[in-house]
Amino acid sequence: MRTETKLDVELWNYQYVNSILEETHVLSHASEAHGILCGLMALKSSRVKDIWLAQLIENWKPGDSVDDSCEWVLDQLFKLTVNQLEDDDFGFQLLLPDVEDSMIARTEALSFWCHGYLYGLGISGVVDQINSEVEGVKNIIEFIHDLQEITKLIATEVDEDDSAELAYMELEEYVRFGVMSIWEFVNDQMGNRSQTLH
């Protein structure tokens, strides 16, 4: 079960995380950084955090120091993401702008998130190890293809109306559910090679 922390509300704020990352010149957009982390989680390895940081911070290697505020945010984001993915109540969420933000900003962030996820999943090598004959693999391959299409979304062509809002919400939920499905698949089919993430 997920462990609640008092940091949830403050940290799970796209603008807050993004501002910290921008101030410390992290290489990724906040949503993309979170997507990379979630893709890397498929490794089920204790090295995930180090691999993630190496993607975000230029020339970073284990043992290097990081700006205090950035280090704290990334550490807490890592812990919260692990807790969410392991939540039996499906509490996993994508790190995206709030509903008060423009549809353009939210669509762009979702595209960045999917790009990051695919990048992280590619580094994990999990897709290459999937047996195409295992039940459920077809759905995973289709989902990955759909994510590739989402990364091509052009935010400036998105309308700011109720129909666009509904389409965005459905797309976000589709991505969220698909990521949880891959997480469960990895646990069920490939868990015997895993190590603790904590």
C-alpha atoms as a PDB file:
ATOM      1  CA  MET A   1       0.000   0.000   0.000  1.00  0.00           C
ATOM      2  CA  ARG A   2       1.045   3.551  -0.604  1.00  0.00           C
ATOM      3  CA  THR A   3       2.596   5.501   2.239  1.00  0.00           C
ATOM      4  CA  GLU A   4       1.047   8.976   2.470  1.00  0.00           C
ATOM      5  CA  THR A   5       3.362  11.872   3.181  1.00  0.00           C
ATOM      6  CA  LYS A   6       2.732  15.504   3.992  1.00  0.00           C
ATOM      7  CA  LEU A   7       4.733  16.352   0.865  1.00  0.00           C
ATOM      8  CA  ASP A   8       2.120  14.971  -1.525  1.00  0.00           C
ATOM      9  CA  VAL A   9       0.087  18.149  -2.054  1.00  0.00           C
ATOM     10  CA  GLU A  10       3.046  20.518  -2.250  1.00  0.00           C
ATOM     11  CA  LEU A  11       5.275  18.367  -4.392  1.00  0.00           C
ATOM     12  CA  TRP A  12       2.673  16.988  -6.758  1.00  0.00           C
ATOM     13  CA  ASN A  13       2.419  20.407  -8.354  1.00  0.00           C
ATOM     14  CA  TYR A  14       3.705  20.721 -11.880  1.00  0.00           C
ATOM     15  CA  GLN A  15       4.533  24.422 -11.660  1.00  0.00           C
ATOM     16  CA  TYR A  16       6.484  23.969  -8.435  1.00  0.00           C
ATOM     17  CA  VAL A  17       8.559  21.062  -9.733  1.00  0.00           C
ATOM     18  CA  ASN A  18       9.145  22.681 -13.108  1.00  0.00           C
ATOM     19  CA  SER A  19      10.328  25.949 -11.544  1.00  0.00           C
ATOM     20  CA  ILE A  20      12.897  24.105  -9.399  1.00  0.00           C
ATOM     21  CA  LEU A  21      14.176  22.137 -12.374  1.00  0.00           C
ATOM     22  CA  GLU A  22      14.445  25.268 -14.520  1.00  0.00           C
ATOM     23  CA  GLU A  23      16.340  27.138 -11.801  1.00  0.00           C
ATOM     24  CA  THR A  24      18.933  24.381 -11.591  1.00  0.00           C
ATOM     25  CA  HIS A  25      19.170  23.848 -15.361  1.00  0.00           C
ATOM     26  CA  VAL A  26      17.984  20.245 -15.363  1.00  0.00           C
ATOM     27  CA  LEU A  27      17.902  19.039 -18.948  1.00  0.00           C
ATOM     28  CA  SER A  28      14.242  17.969 -18.971  1.00  0.00           C
ATOM     29  CA  HIS A  29      10.818  19.571 -18.716  1.00  0.00           C
ATOM     30  CA  ALA A  30       9.104  18.481 -15.435  1.00  0.00           C
ATOM     31  CA  SER A  31       6.595  16.250 -17.217  1.00  0.00           C
ATOM     32  CA  GLU A  32       9.260  14.707 -19.410  1.00  0.00           C
ATOM     33  CA  ALA A  33      11.474  14.090 -16.361  1.00  0.00           C
ATOM     34  CA  HIS A  34       8.619  12.277 -14.645  1.00  0.00           C
ATOM     35  CA  GLY A  35       7.892  10.284 -17.788  1.00  0.00           C
ATOM     36  CA  ILE A  36      11.538   9.199 -18.011  1.00  0.00           C
ATOM     37  CA  LEU A  37      11.420   8.035 -14.402  1.00  0.00           C
ATOM     38  CA  CYS A  38       8.235   6.029 -14.926  1.00  0.00           C
ATOM     39  CA  GLY A  39       9.704   4.349 -18.004  1.00  0.00           C
ATOM     40  CA  LEU A  40      12.885   3.482 -16.141  1.00  0.00           C
ATOM     41  CA  MET A  41      10.830   1.927 -13.337  1.00  0.00           C
ATOM     42  CA  ALA A  42      10.363  -1.075 -15.600  1.00  0.00           C
ATOM     43  CA  LEU A  43      13.953  -1.982 -14.737  1.00  0.00           C
ATOM     44  CA  LYS A  44      12.828  -2.853 -11.204  1.00  0.00           C
ATOM     45  CA  SER A  45      16.385  -2.108 -10.151  1.00  0.00           C
ATOM     46  CA  SER A  46      17.956  -0.334  -7.218  1.00  0.00           C
ATOM     47  CA  ARG A  47      19.973   1.629  -9.811  1.00  0.00           C
ATOM     48  CA  VAL A  48      16.903   3.344 -11.300  1.00  0.00           C
ATOM     49  CA  LYS A  49      17.366   6.598  -9.406  1.00  0.00           C
ATOM     50  CA  ASP A  50      21.020   6.949 -10.431  1.00  0.00           C
ATOM     51  CA  ILE A  51      20.207   6.170 -14.064  1.00  0.00           C
ATOM     52  CA  TRP A  52      17.383   8.734 -13.953  1.00  0.00           C
ATOM     53  CA  LEU A  53      19.566  11.492 -12.510  1.00  0.00           C
ATOM     54  CA  ALA A  54      22.201  10.811 -15.147  1.00  0.00           C
ATOM     55  CA  GLN A  55      19.573  11.510 -17.834  1.00  0.00           C
ATOM     56  CA  LEU A  56      18.481  14.778 -16.214  1.00  0.00           C
ATOM     57  CA  ILE A  57      21.736  16.370 -15.079  1.00  0.00           C
ATOM     58  CA  GLU A  58      24.531  16.883 -17.572  1.00  0.00           C
ATOM     59  CA  ASN A  59      27.718  14.983 -16.744  1.00  0.00           C
ATOM     60  CA  TRP A  60      26.216  13.722 -13.459  1.00  0.00           C
ATOM     61  CA  LYS A  61      27.492  10.452 -12.037  1.00  0.00           C
ATOM     62  CA  PRO A  62      26.791   8.614  -8.752  1.00  0.00           C
ATOM     63  CA  GLY A  63      28.379  10.456  -5.852  1.00  0.00           C
ATOM     64  CA  ASP A  64      28.203  13.893  -7.478  1.00  0.00           C
ATOM     65  CA  SER A  65      26.495  16.685  -5.554  1.00  0.00           C
ATOM     66  CA  VAL A  66      23.308  18.376  -6.758  1.00  0.00           C
ATOM     67  CA  ASP A  67      21.788  21.729  -5.857  1.00  0.00           C
ATOM     68  CA  ASP A  68      20.038  21.211  -2.487  1.00  0.00           C
ATOM     69  CA  SER A  69      16.546  22.270  -3.603  1.00  0.00           C
ATOM     70  CA  CYS A  70      16.774  20.245  -6.800  1.00  0.00           C
ATOM     71  CA  GLU A  71      18.126  17.193  -5.005  1.00  0.00           C
ATOM     72  CA  TRP A  72      15.266  17.320  -2.498  1.00  0.00           C
ATOM     73  CA  VAL A  73      12.601  17.668  -5.188  1.00  0.00           C
ATOM     74  CA  LEU A  74      14.000  14.849  -7.313  1.00  0.00           C
ATOM     75  CA  ASP A  75      14.416  12.586  -4.287  1.00  0.00           C
ATOM     76  CA  GLN A  76      10.844  13.171  -3.142  1.00  0.00           C
ATOM     77  CA  LEU A  77       9.470  12.856  -6.668  1.00  0.00           C
ATOM     78  CA  PHE A  78      11.232   9.514  -6.983  1.00  0.00           C
ATOM     79  CA  LYS A  79       9.819   8.236  -3.677  1.00  0.00           C
ATOM     80  CA  LEU A  80       6.299   9.445  -4.390  1.00  0.00           C
ATOM     81  CA  THR A  81       6.328   7.889  -7.844  1.00  0.00           C
ATOM     82  CA  VAL A  82       7.425   4.517  -6.471  1.00  0.00           C
ATOM     83  CA  ASN A  83       4.704   4.717  -3.824  1.00  0.00           C
ATOM     84  CA  GLN A  84       2.067   5.615  -6.404  1.00  0.00           C
ATOM     85  CA  LEU A  85       2.997   2.788  -8.753  1.00  0.00           C
ATOM     86  CA  GLU A  86       2.915   0.320  -5.869  1.00  0.00           C
ATOM     87  CA  ASP A  87      -0.425   1.660  -4.639  1.00  0.00           C
ATOM     88  CA  ASP A  88      -3.044  -1.110  -4.636  1.00  0.00           C
ATOM     89  CA  ASP A  89      -5.732   1.555  -5.095  1.00  0.00           C
ATOM     90  CA  PHE A  90      -4.320   2.727  -8.438  1.00  0.00           C
ATOM     91  CA  GLY A  91      -3.183   6.072  -7.073  1.00  0.00           C
ATOM     92  CA  PHE A  92      -0.644   6.645  -9.835  1.00  0.00           C
ATOM     93  CA  GLN A  93      -0.800  10.075 -11.497  1.00  0.00           C
ATOM     94  CA  LEU A  94       1.075  11.773 -14.323  1.00  0.00           C
ATOM     95  CA  LEU A  95       2.904  14.962 -13.368  1.00  0.00           C
ATOM     96  CA  LEU A  96       1.066  17.473 -15.567  1.00  0.00           C
ATOM     97  CA  PRO A  97      -0.183  21.081 -15.348  1.00  0.00           C
ATOM     98  CA  ASP A  98      -3.366  21.766 -13.398  1.00  0.00           C
ATOM     99  CA  VAL A  99      -6.764  22.128 -15.059  1.00  0.00           C
ATOM    100  CA  GLU A 100      -6.464  25.902 -14.624  1.00  0.00           C
ATOM    101  CA  ASP A 101      -3.633  25.974 -17.154  1.00  0.00           C
ATOM    102  CA  SER A 102      -4.320  26.431 -20.853  1.00  0.00           C
ATOM    103  CA  MET A 103      -5.160  23.442 -23.006  1.00  0.00           C
ATOM    104  CA  ILE A 104      -2.093  24.243 -25.087  1.00  0.00           C
ATOM    105  CA  ALA A 105       0.209  24.009 -22.056  1.00  0.00           C
ATOM    106  CA  ARG A 106      -1.436  20.802 -20.850  1.00  0.00           C
ATOM    107  CA  THR A 107      -1.319  19.130 -24.267  1.00  0.00           C
ATOM    108  CA  GLU A 108       2.326  20.066 -24.688  1.00  0.00           C
ATOM    109  CA  ALA A 109       3.152  18.656 -21.245  1.00  0.00           C
ATOM    110  CA  LEU A 110       1.324  15.393 -21.976  1.00  0.00           C
ATOM    111  CA  SER A 111       3.294  15.050 -25.196  1.00  0.00           C
ATOM    112  CA  PHE A 112       6.535  15.673 -23.275  1.00  0.00           C
ATOM    113  CA  TRP A 113       5.500  13.132 -20.629  1.00  0.00           C
ATOM    114  CA  CYS A 114       4.896  10.432 -23.242  1.00  0.00           C
ATOM    115  CA  HIS A 115       8.182  11.220 -24.961  1.00  0.00           C
ATOM    116  CA  GLY A 116      10.007  10.875 -21.653  1.00  0.00           C
ATOM    117  CA  TYR A 117       8.235   7.632 -20.822  1.00  0.00           C
ATOM    118  CA  LEU A 118       9.157   6.063 -24.138  1.00  0.00           C
ATOM    119  CA  TYR A 119      12.739   7.207 -23.689  1.00  0.00           C
ATOM    120  CA  GLY A 120      12.940   5.712 -20.202  1.00  0.00           C
ATOM    121  CA  LEU A 121      11.248   2.512 -21.317  1.00  0.00           C
ATOM    122  CA  GLY A 122      13.744   2.246 -24.153  1.00  0.00           C
ATOM    123  CA  ILE A 123      16.681   2.578 -21.759  1.00  0.00           C
ATOM    124  CA  SER A 124      15.163  -0.116 -19.536  1.00  0.00           C
ATOM    125  CA  GLY A 125      15.301  -2.595 -22.422  1.00  0.00           C
ATOM    126  CA  VAL A 126      12.103  -4.234 -21.206  1.00  0.00           C
ATOM    127  CA  VAL A 127      10.298  -4.015 -24.539  1.00  0.00           C
ATOM    128  CA  ASP A 128      13.117  -5.917 -26.256  1.00  0.00           C
ATOM    129  CA  GLN A 129      12.798  -8.696 -23.696  1.00  0.00           C
ATOM    130  CA  ILE A 130       9.046  -9.158 -23.973  1.00  0.00           C
ATOM    131  CA  ASN A 131       7.967 -12.524 -25.345  1.00  0.00           C
ATOM    132  CA  SER A 132       5.428 -11.778 -28.083  1.00  0.00           C
ATOM    133  CA  GLU A 133       3.596 -15.002 -27.259  1.00  0.00           C
ATOM    134  CA  VAL A 134       2.821 -13.977 -23.673  1.00  0.00           C
ATOM    135  CA  GLU A 135      -0.788 -13.012 -23.034  1.00  0.00           C
ATOM    136  CA  GLY A 136      -1.327  -9.260 -22.926  1.00  0.00           C
ATOM    137  CA  VAL A 137       1.761  -8.324 -24.965  1.00  0.00           C
ATOM    138  CA  LYS A 138      -0.280  -7.260 -27.993  1.00  0.00           C
ATOM    139  CA  ASN A 139      -2.037  -4.606 -25.906  1.00  0.00           C
ATOM    140  CA  ILE A 140       1.294  -3.328 -24.605  1.00  0.00           C
ATOM    141  CA  ILE A 141       2.743  -3.002 -28.101  1.00  0.00           C
ATOM    142  CA  GLU A 142      -0.374  -1.148 -29.254  1.00  0.00           C
ATOM    143  CA  PHE A 143      -0.155   1.167 -26.256  1.00  0.00           C
ATOM    144  CA  ILE A 144       3.484   1.997 -26.989  1.00  0.00           C
ATOM    145  CA  HIS A 145       2.533   2.773 -30.594  1.00  0.00           C
ATOM    146  CA  ASP A 146      -0.242   5.074 -29.340  1.00  0.00           C
ATOM    147  CA  LEU A 147       2.234   6.903 -27.106  1.00  0.00           C
ATOM    148  CA  GLN A 148       4.453   7.485 -30.118  1.00  0.00           C
ATOM    149  CA  GLU A 149       1.496   9.148 -31.823  1.00  0.00           C
ATOM    150  CA  ILE A 150       0.738  11.292 -28.759  1.00  0.00           C
ATOM    151  CA  THR A 151       4.291  12.678 -28.846  1.00  0.00           C
ATOM    152  CA  LYS A 152       3.438  14.129 -32.248  1.00  0.00           C
ATOM    153  CA  LEU A 153       0.573  16.240 -30.913  1.00  0.00           C
ATOM    154  CA  ILE A 154       0.839  19.875 -31.961  1.00  0.00           C
ATOM    155  CA  ALA A 155      -0.257  21.925 -28.973  1.00  0.00           C
ATOM    156  CA  THR A 156      -0.911  25.116 -30.939  1.00  0.00           C
ATOM    157  CA  GLU A 157      -3.618  23.327 -32.932  1.00  0.00           C
ATOM    158  CA  VAL A 158      -5.629  22.425 -29.825  1.00  0.00           C
ATOM    159  CA  ASP A 159      -8.911  24.238 -29.202  1.00  0.00           C
ATOM    160  CA  GLU A 160      -9.880  25.684 -25.826  1.00  0.00           C
ATOM    161  CA  ASP A 161     -13.408  24.273 -25.559  1.00  0.00           C
ATOM    162  CA  ASP A 162     -15.360  21.590 -23.713  1.00  0.00           C
ATOM    163  CA  SER A 163     -14.846  18.943 -26.373  1.00  0.00           C
ATOM    164  CA  ALA A 164     -11.074  19.481 -26.282  1.00  0.00           C
ATOM    165  CA  GLU A 165     -11.133  19.289 -22.484  1.00  0.00           C
ATOM    166  CA  LEU A 166     -12.995  15.973 -22.583  1.00  0.00           C
ATOM    167  CA  ALA A 167     -10.656  14.550 -25.222  1.00  0.00           C
ATOM    168  CA  TYR A 168      -7.638  15.584 -23.157  1.00  0.00           C
ATOM    169  CA  MET A 169      -9.017  14.004 -19.984  1.00  0.00           C
ATOM    170  CA  GLU A 170      -9.736  10.755 -21.806  1.00  0.00           C
ATOM    171  CA  LEU A 171      -6.246  10.738 -23.309  1.00  0.00           C
ATOM    172  CA  GLU A 172      -4.593  11.398 -19.964  1.00  0.00           C
ATOM    173  CA  GLU A 173      -6.566   8.577 -18.353  1.00  0.00           C
ATOM    174  CA  TYR A 174      -5.676   6.239 -21.218  1.00  0.00           C
ATOM    175  CA  VAL A 175      -1.974   6.972 -20.703  1.00  0.00           C
ATOM    176  CA  ARG A 176      -2.250   6.588 -16.928  1.00  0.00           C
ATOM    177  CA  PHE A 177      -4.019   3.241 -17.219  1.00  0.00           C
ATOM    178  CA  GLY A 178      -1.588   1.999 -19.879  1.00  0.00           C
ATOM    179  CA  VAL A 179       1.441   2.834 -17.739  1.00  0.00           C
ATOM    180  CA  MET A 180      -0.060   0.988 -14.775  1.00  0.00           C
ATOM    181  CA  SER A 181      -0.771  -1.983 -17.053  1.00  0.00           C
ATOM    182  CA  ILE A 182       2.870  -2.141 -18.145  1.00  0.00           C
ATOM    183  CA  TRP A 183       3.970  -1.849 -14.513  1.00  0.00           C
ATOM    184  CA  GLU A 184       1.734  -4.784 -13.557  1.00  0.00           C
ATOM    185  CA  PHE A 185       2.937  -6.794 -16.564  1.00  0.00           C
ATOM    186  CA  VAL A 186       6.564  -6.266 -15.589  1.00  0.00           C
ATOM    187  CA  ASN A 187       5.783  -7.335 -12.027  1.00  0.00           C
ATOM    188  CA  ASP A 188       3.894 -10.441 -13.151  1.00  0.00           C
ATOM    189  CA  GLN A 189       6.055 -11.611 -16.046  1.00  0.00           C
ATOM    190  CA  MET A 190       9.529 -10.285 -15.253  1.00  0.00           C
ATOM    191  CA  GLY A 191       9.523  -9.796 -11.513  1.00  0.00           C
ATOM    192  CA  ASN A 192      11.934 -12.626 -10.889  1.00  0.00           C
ATOM    193  CA  ARG A 193      14.824 -10.460 -12.092  1.00  0.00           C
ATOM    194  CA  SER A 194      13.854  -7.434 -10.018  1.00  0.00           C
ATOM    195  CA  GLN A 195      15.522  -5.750  -7.107  1.00  0.00           C
ATOM    196  CA  THR A 196      14.020  -3.372  -4.609  1.00  0.00           C
ATOM    197  CA  LEU A 197      13.450   0.200  -5.775  1.00  0.00           C
ATOM    198  CA  HIS A 198      13.523   1.707  -2.301  1.00  0.00           C
END
